[in-house]
């Protein structure tokens, strides 16, 4: 397994991902974000507790 290198970049480099208030597709993207949130909530509720905990631990490990 190859380890990824951290080039020391700051999270400020992600700021361009913010959608300006005047963006033409802001309404559409906001709607998609709300739909994604609703679907992910439904998915989470459908998981058995053991699977949910295993996935949570996996995501935590990936974030480190």
PDB file of N, CA and C in Angstrom:
ATOM      1  N   UNK A   1       0.848  -1.183   0.000  1.00  0.00           N
ATOM      2  CA  UNK A   1       0.000   0.000   0.000  1.00  0.00           C
ATOM      3  C   UNK A   1       0.889   1.239   0.000  1.00  0.00           C
ATOM      4  N   UNK A   2       0.676   2.101  -0.959  1.00  0.00           N
ATOM      5  CA  UNK A   2       1.472   3.320  -1.081  1.00  0.00           C
ATOM      6  C   UNK A   2       0.869   4.428  -0.221  1.00  0.00           C
ATOM      7  N   UNK A   3       1.698   5.068   0.583  1.00  0.00           N
ATOM      8  CA  UNK A   3       1.228   6.172   1.413  1.00  0.00           C
ATOM      9  C   UNK A   3       1.264   7.459   0.614  1.00  0.00           C
ATOM     10  N   UNK A   4       0.235   8.279   0.774  1.00  0.00           N
ATOM     11  CA  UNK A   4       0.180   9.565   0.099  1.00  0.00           C
ATOM     12  C   UNK A   4       0.995  10.584   0.873  1.00  0.00           C
ATOM     13  N   UNK A   5       1.626  11.465   0.163  1.00  0.00           N
ATOM     14  CA  UNK A   5       2.415  12.511   0.796  1.00  0.00           C
ATOM     15  C   UNK A   5       1.575  13.760   0.989  1.00  0.00           C
ATOM     16  N   UNK A   6       1.744  14.421   2.110  1.00  0.00           N
ATOM     17  CA  UNK A   6       1.064  15.682   2.391  1.00  0.00           C
ATOM     18  C   UNK A   6       1.998  16.813   1.986  1.00  0.00           C
ATOM     19  N   UNK A   7       1.644  17.578   0.953  1.00  0.00           N
ATOM     20  CA  UNK A   7       2.514  18.663   0.529  1.00  0.00           C
ATOM     21  C   UNK A   7       2.410  19.902   1.422  1.00  0.00           C
ATOM     22  N   UNK A   8       1.662  19.814   2.506  1.00  0.00           N
ATOM     23  CA  UNK A   8       1.545  20.934   3.431  1.00  0.00           C
ATOM     24  C   UNK A   8       0.613  22.029   2.952  1.00  0.00           C
ATOM     25  N   UNK A   9      -0.304  21.698   2.047  1.00  0.00           N
ATOM     26  CA  UNK A   9      -1.235  22.693   1.540  1.00  0.00           C
ATOM     27  C   UNK A   9      -2.266  23.032   2.612  1.00  0.00           C
ATOM     28  N   UNK A  10      -2.719  24.265   2.597  1.00  0.00           N
ATOM     29  CA  UNK A  10      -3.735  24.687   3.570  1.00  0.00           C
ATOM     30  C   UNK A  10      -5.127  24.437   3.000  1.00  0.00           C
ATOM     31  N   UNK A  11      -6.110  24.339   3.886  1.00  0.00           N
ATOM     32  CA  UNK A  11      -7.476  24.130   3.404  1.00  0.00           C
ATOM     33  C   UNK A  11      -7.998  25.361   2.682  1.00  0.00           C
ATOM     34  N   UNK A  12      -7.323  26.490   2.816  1.00  0.00           N
ATOM     35  CA  UNK A  12      -7.709  27.695   2.099  1.00  0.00           C
ATOM     36  C   UNK A  12      -7.682  27.502   0.592  1.00  0.00           C
ATOM     37  N   UNK A  13      -6.927  26.514   0.120  1.00  0.00           N
ATOM     38  CA  UNK A  13      -6.886  26.237  -1.308  1.00  0.00           C
ATOM     39  C   UNK A  13      -8.219  25.697  -1.806  1.00  0.00           C
ATOM     40  N   UNK A  14      -9.078  25.273  -0.887  1.00  0.00           N
ATOM     41  CA  UNK A  14     -10.383  24.743  -1.268  1.00  0.00           C
ATOM     42  C   UNK A  14     -11.429  25.850  -1.396  1.00  0.00           C
ATOM     43  N   UNK A  15     -11.117  27.053  -0.993  1.00  0.00           N
ATOM     44  CA  UNK A  15     -12.092  28.134  -1.011  1.00  0.00           C
ATOM     45  C   UNK A  15     -12.721  28.384  -2.375  1.00  0.00           C
ATOM     46  N   UNK A  16     -12.031  28.163  -3.475  1.00  0.00           N
ATOM     47  CA  UNK A  16     -12.715  28.363  -4.760  1.00  0.00           C
ATOM     48  C   UNK A  16     -13.921  27.443  -4.949  1.00  0.00           C
ATOM     49  N   UNK A  17     -14.075  26.434  -4.092  1.00  0.00           N
ATOM     50  CA  UNK A  17     -15.222  25.540  -4.217  1.00  0.00           C
ATOM     51  C   UNK A  17     -16.496  26.196  -3.704  1.00  0.00           C
ATOM     52  N   UNK A  18     -16.386  27.355  -3.074  1.00  0.00           N
ATOM     53  CA  UNK A  18     -17.573  28.055  -2.607  1.00  0.00           C
ATOM     54  C   UNK A  18     -18.335  28.604  -3.807  1.00  0.00           C
ATOM     55  N   UNK A  19     -19.638  28.563  -3.748  1.00  0.00           N
ATOM     56  CA  UNK A  19     -20.475  29.045  -4.835  1.00  0.00           C
ATOM     57  C   UNK A  19     -20.911  30.466  -4.498  1.00  0.00           C
ATOM     58  N   UNK A  20     -20.605  31.394  -5.364  1.00  0.00           N
ATOM     59  CA  UNK A  20     -20.964  32.787  -5.090  1.00  0.00           C
ATOM     60  C   UNK A  20     -22.481  32.949  -5.146  1.00  0.00           C
ATOM     61  N   UNK A  21     -22.966  33.946  -4.464  1.00  0.00           N
ATOM     62  CA  UNK A  21     -24.400  34.212  -4.433  1.00  0.00           C
ATOM     63  C   UNK A  21     -24.971  34.555  -5.791  1.00  0.00           C
ATOM     64  N   UNK A  22     -24.141  35.028  -6.694  1.00  0.00           N
ATOM     65  CA  UNK A  22     -24.629  35.424  -8.013  1.00  0.00           C
ATOM     66  C   UNK A  22     -24.431  34.349  -9.080  1.00  0.00           C
ATOM     67  N   UNK A  23     -23.939  33.174  -8.695  1.00  0.00           N
ATOM     68  CA  UNK A  23     -23.694  32.104  -9.658  1.00  0.00           C
ATOM     69  C   UNK A  23     -25.015  31.642 -10.279  1.00  0.00           C
ATOM     70  N   UNK A  24     -25.018  31.449 -11.601  1.00  0.00           N
ATOM     71  CA  UNK A  24     -26.242  31.046 -12.300  1.00  0.00           C
ATOM     72  C   UNK A  24     -26.756  29.688 -11.829  1.00  0.00           C
ATOM     73  N   UNK A  25     -25.870  28.789 -11.500  1.00  0.00           N
ATOM     74  CA  UNK A  25     -26.298  27.430 -11.132  1.00  0.00           C
ATOM     75  C   UNK A  25     -26.428  27.237  -9.626  1.00  0.00           C
ATOM     76  N   UNK A  26     -26.378  28.313  -8.858  1.00  0.00           N
ATOM     77  CA  UNK A  26     -26.447  28.195  -7.396  1.00  0.00           C
ATOM     78  C   UNK A  26     -27.734  27.503  -6.938  1.00  0.00           C
ATOM     79  N   UNK A  27     -28.866  27.882  -7.491  1.00  0.00           N
ATOM     80  CA  UNK A  27     -30.141  27.288  -7.077  1.00  0.00           C
ATOM     81  C   UNK A  27     -30.165  25.793  -7.379  1.00  0.00           C
ATOM     82  N   UNK A  28     -29.712  25.417  -8.570  1.00  0.00           N
ATOM     83  CA  UNK A  28     -29.685  24.001  -8.954  1.00  0.00           C
ATOM     84  C   UNK A  28     -28.746  23.212  -8.052  1.00  0.00           C
ATOM     85  N   UNK A  29     -27.548  23.762  -7.787  1.00  0.00           N
ATOM     86  CA  UNK A  29     -26.584  23.068  -6.938  1.00  0.00           C
ATOM     87  C   UNK A  29     -27.069  22.958  -5.501  1.00  0.00           C
ATOM     88  N   UNK A  30     -27.736  23.983  -5.025  1.00  0.00           N
ATOM     89  CA  UNK A  30     -28.295  23.933  -3.670  1.00  0.00           C
ATOM     90  C   UNK A  30     -29.352  22.838  -3.581  1.00  0.00           C
ATOM     91  N   UNK A  31     -30.189  22.730  -4.598  1.00  0.00           N
ATOM     92  CA  UNK A  31     -31.201  21.675  -4.632  1.00  0.00           C
ATOM     93  C   UNK A  31     -30.570  20.287  -4.638  1.00  0.00           C
ATOM     94  N   UNK A  32     -29.508  20.129  -5.421  1.00  0.00           N
ATOM     95  CA  UNK A  32     -28.809  18.839  -5.455  1.00  0.00           C
ATOM     96  C   UNK A  32     -28.181  18.513  -4.107  1.00  0.00           C
ATOM     97  N   UNK A  33     -27.639  19.529  -3.432  1.00  0.00           N
ATOM     98  CA  UNK A  33     -27.039  19.304  -2.110  1.00  0.00           C
ATOM     99  C   UNK A  33     -28.102  18.867  -1.103  1.00  0.00           C
ATOM    100  N   UNK A  34     -29.281  19.472  -1.186  1.00  0.00           N
ATOM    101  CA  UNK A  34     -30.372  19.090  -0.279  1.00  0.00           C
ATOM    102  C   UNK A  34     -30.828  17.669  -0.577  1.00  0.00           C
ATOM    103  N   UNK A  35     -30.934  17.321  -1.863  1.00  0.00           N
ATOM    104  CA  UNK A  35     -31.325  15.963  -2.237  1.00  0.00           C
ATOM    105  C   UNK A  35     -30.286  14.938  -1.766  1.00  0.00           C
ATOM    106  N   UNK A  36     -29.022  15.262  -1.946  1.00  0.00           N
ATOM    107  CA  UNK A  36     -27.942  14.370  -1.490  1.00  0.00           C
ATOM    108  C   UNK A  36     -28.023  14.151   0.015  1.00  0.00           C
ATOM    109  N   UNK A  37     -28.263  15.226   0.755  1.00  0.00           N
ATOM    110  CA  UNK A  37     -28.363  15.125   2.211  1.00  0.00           C
ATOM    111  C   UNK A  37     -29.524  14.224   2.613  1.00  0.00           C
ATOM    112  N   UNK A  38     -30.663  14.399   1.968  1.00  0.00           N
ATOM    113  CA  UNK A  38     -31.835  13.576   2.292  1.00  0.00           C
ATOM    114  C   UNK A  38     -31.579  12.102   1.973  1.00  0.00           C
ATOM    115  N   UNK A  39     -30.983  11.842   0.815  1.00  0.00           N
ATOM    116  CA  UNK A  39     -30.713  10.449   0.439  1.00  0.00           C
ATOM    117  C   UNK A  39     -29.677   9.807   1.361  1.00  0.00           C
ATOM    118  N   UNK A  40     -28.660  10.560   1.739  1.00  0.00           N
ATOM    119  CA  UNK A  40     -27.638   9.987   2.613  1.00  0.00           C
ATOM    120  C   UNK A  40     -28.207   9.715   4.003  1.00  0.00           C
ATOM    121  N   UNK A  41     -29.129  10.567   4.446  1.00  0.00           N
ATOM    122  CA  UNK A  41     -29.780  10.337   5.736  1.00  0.00           C
ATOM    123  C   UNK A  41     -30.611   9.057   5.688  1.00  0.00           C
ATOM    124  N   UNK A  42     -31.332   8.860   4.583  1.00  0.00           N
ATOM    125  CA  UNK A  42     -32.112   7.643   4.413  1.00  0.00           C
ATOM    126  C   UNK A  42     -31.231   6.407   4.349  1.00  0.00           C
ATOM    127  N   UNK A  43     -30.101   6.530   3.644  1.00  0.00           N
ATOM    128  CA  UNK A  43     -29.161   5.412   3.556  1.00  0.00           C
ATOM    129  C   UNK A  43     -28.617   5.057   4.926  1.00  0.00           C
ATOM    130  N   UNK A  44     -28.229   6.060   5.676  1.00  0.00           N
ATOM    131  CA  UNK A  44     -27.685   5.813   7.020  1.00  0.00           C
ATOM    132  C   UNK A  44     -28.711   5.113   7.900  1.00  0.00           C
ATOM    133  N   UNK A  45     -29.950   5.555   7.817  1.00  0.00           N
ATOM    134  CA  UNK A  45     -31.001   4.954   8.645  1.00  0.00           C
ATOM    135  C   UNK A  45     -31.257   3.497   8.265  1.00  0.00           C
ATOM    136  N   UNK A  46     -30.934   3.121   7.032  1.00  0.00           N
ATOM    137  CA  UNK A  46     -31.196   1.753   6.589  1.00  0.00           C
ATOM    138  C   UNK A  46     -30.095   0.771   6.975  1.00  0.00           C
ATOM    139  N   UNK A  47     -28.966   1.274   7.470  1.00  0.00           N
ATOM    140  CA  UNK A  47     -27.839   0.407   7.791  1.00  0.00           C
ATOM    141  C   UNK A  47     -27.971  -0.219   9.179  1.00  0.00           C
ATOM    142  N   UNK A  48     -27.611  -1.482   9.303  1.00  0.00           N
ATOM    143  CA  UNK A  48     -27.533  -2.083  10.643  1.00  0.00           C
ATOM    144  C   UNK A  48     -26.438  -1.365  11.453  1.00  0.00           C
ATOM    145  N   UNK A  49     -26.592  -1.336  12.757  1.00  0.00           N
ATOM    146  CA  UNK A  49     -25.659  -0.607  13.620  1.00  0.00           C
ATOM    147  C   UNK A  49     -24.208  -1.042  13.414  1.00  0.00           C
ATOM    148  N   UNK A  50     -23.971  -2.338  13.267  1.00  0.00           N
ATOM    149  CA  UNK A  50     -22.602  -2.832  13.093  1.00  0.00           C
ATOM    150  C   UNK A  50     -21.967  -2.333  11.809  1.00  0.00           C
ATOM    151  N   UNK A  51     -22.746  -2.303  10.738  1.00  0.00           N
ATOM    152  CA  UNK A  51     -22.230  -1.811   9.457  1.00  0.00           C
ATOM    153  C   UNK A  51     -21.958  -0.313   9.554  1.00  0.00           C
ATOM    154  N   UNK A  52     -22.874   0.418  10.174  1.00  0.00           N
ATOM    155  CA  UNK A  52     -22.705   1.863  10.314  1.00  0.00           C
ATOM    156  C   UNK A  52     -21.432   2.190  11.103  1.00  0.00           C
ATOM    157  N   UNK A  53     -21.181   1.461  12.174  1.00  0.00           N
ATOM    158  CA  UNK A  53     -19.986   1.718  12.977  1.00  0.00           C
ATOM    159  C   UNK A  53     -18.723   1.376  12.194  1.00  0.00           C
ATOM    160  N   UNK A  54     -18.749   0.283  11.438  1.00  0.00           N
ATOM    161  CA  UNK A  54     -17.585  -0.095  10.629  1.00  0.00           C
ATOM    162  C   UNK A  54     -17.293   0.963   9.571  1.00  0.00           C
ATOM    163  N   UNK A  55     -18.345   1.460   8.914  1.00  0.00           N
ATOM    164  CA  UNK A  55     -18.148   2.511   7.909  1.00  0.00           C
ATOM    165  C   UNK A  55     -17.635   3.800   8.546  1.00  0.00           C
ATOM    166  N   UNK A  56     -18.163   4.136   9.699  1.00  0.00           N
ATOM    167  CA  UNK A  56     -17.713   5.341  10.395  1.00  0.00           C
ATOM    168  C   UNK A  56     -16.233   5.232  10.747  1.00  0.00           C
ATOM    169  N   UNK A  57     -15.809   4.080  11.224  1.00  0.00           N
ATOM    170  CA  UNK A  57     -14.398   3.874  11.552  1.00  0.00           C
ATOM    171  C   UNK A  57     -13.523   3.947  10.305  1.00  0.00           C
ATOM    172  N   UNK A  58     -14.010   3.401   9.201  1.00  0.00           N
ATOM    173  CA  UNK A  58     -13.263   3.445   7.945  1.00  0.00           C
ATOM    174  C   UNK A  58     -13.095   4.881   7.466  1.00  0.00           C
ATOM    175  N   UNK A  59     -14.153   5.665   7.506  1.00  0.00           N
ATOM    176  CA  UNK A  59     -14.068   7.062   7.067  1.00  0.00           C
ATOM    177  C   UNK A  59     -13.142   7.853   7.984  1.00  0.00           C
ATOM    178  N   UNK A  60     -13.204   7.599   9.293  1.00  0.00           N
ATOM    179  CA  UNK A  60     -12.291   8.284  10.212  1.00  0.00           C
ATOM    180  C   UNK A  60     -10.846   7.961   9.879  1.00  0.00           C
ATOM    181  N   UNK A  61     -10.562   6.696   9.566  1.00  0.00           N
ATOM    182  CA  UNK A  61      -9.195   6.292   9.209  1.00  0.00           C
ATOM    183  C   UNK A  61      -8.754   6.962   7.917  1.00  0.00           C
ATOM    184  N   UNK A  62      -9.680   7.117   6.975  1.00  0.00           N
ATOM    185  CA  UNK A  62      -9.321   7.766   5.695  1.00  0.00           C
ATOM    186  C   UNK A  62      -9.055   9.255   5.894  1.00  0.00           C
ATOM    187  N   UNK A  63      -9.715   9.868   6.874  1.00  0.00           N
ATOM    188  CA  UNK A  63      -9.538  11.302   7.118  1.00  0.00           C
ATOM    189  C   UNK A  63      -8.220  11.624   7.817  1.00  0.00           C
ATOM    190  N   UNK A  64      -7.591  10.624   8.396  1.00  0.00           N
ATOM    191  CA  UNK A  64      -6.331  10.894   9.118  1.00  0.00           C
ATOM    192  C   UNK A  64      -5.149  10.850   8.202  1.00  0.00           C
TER     193      UNK A  64
END
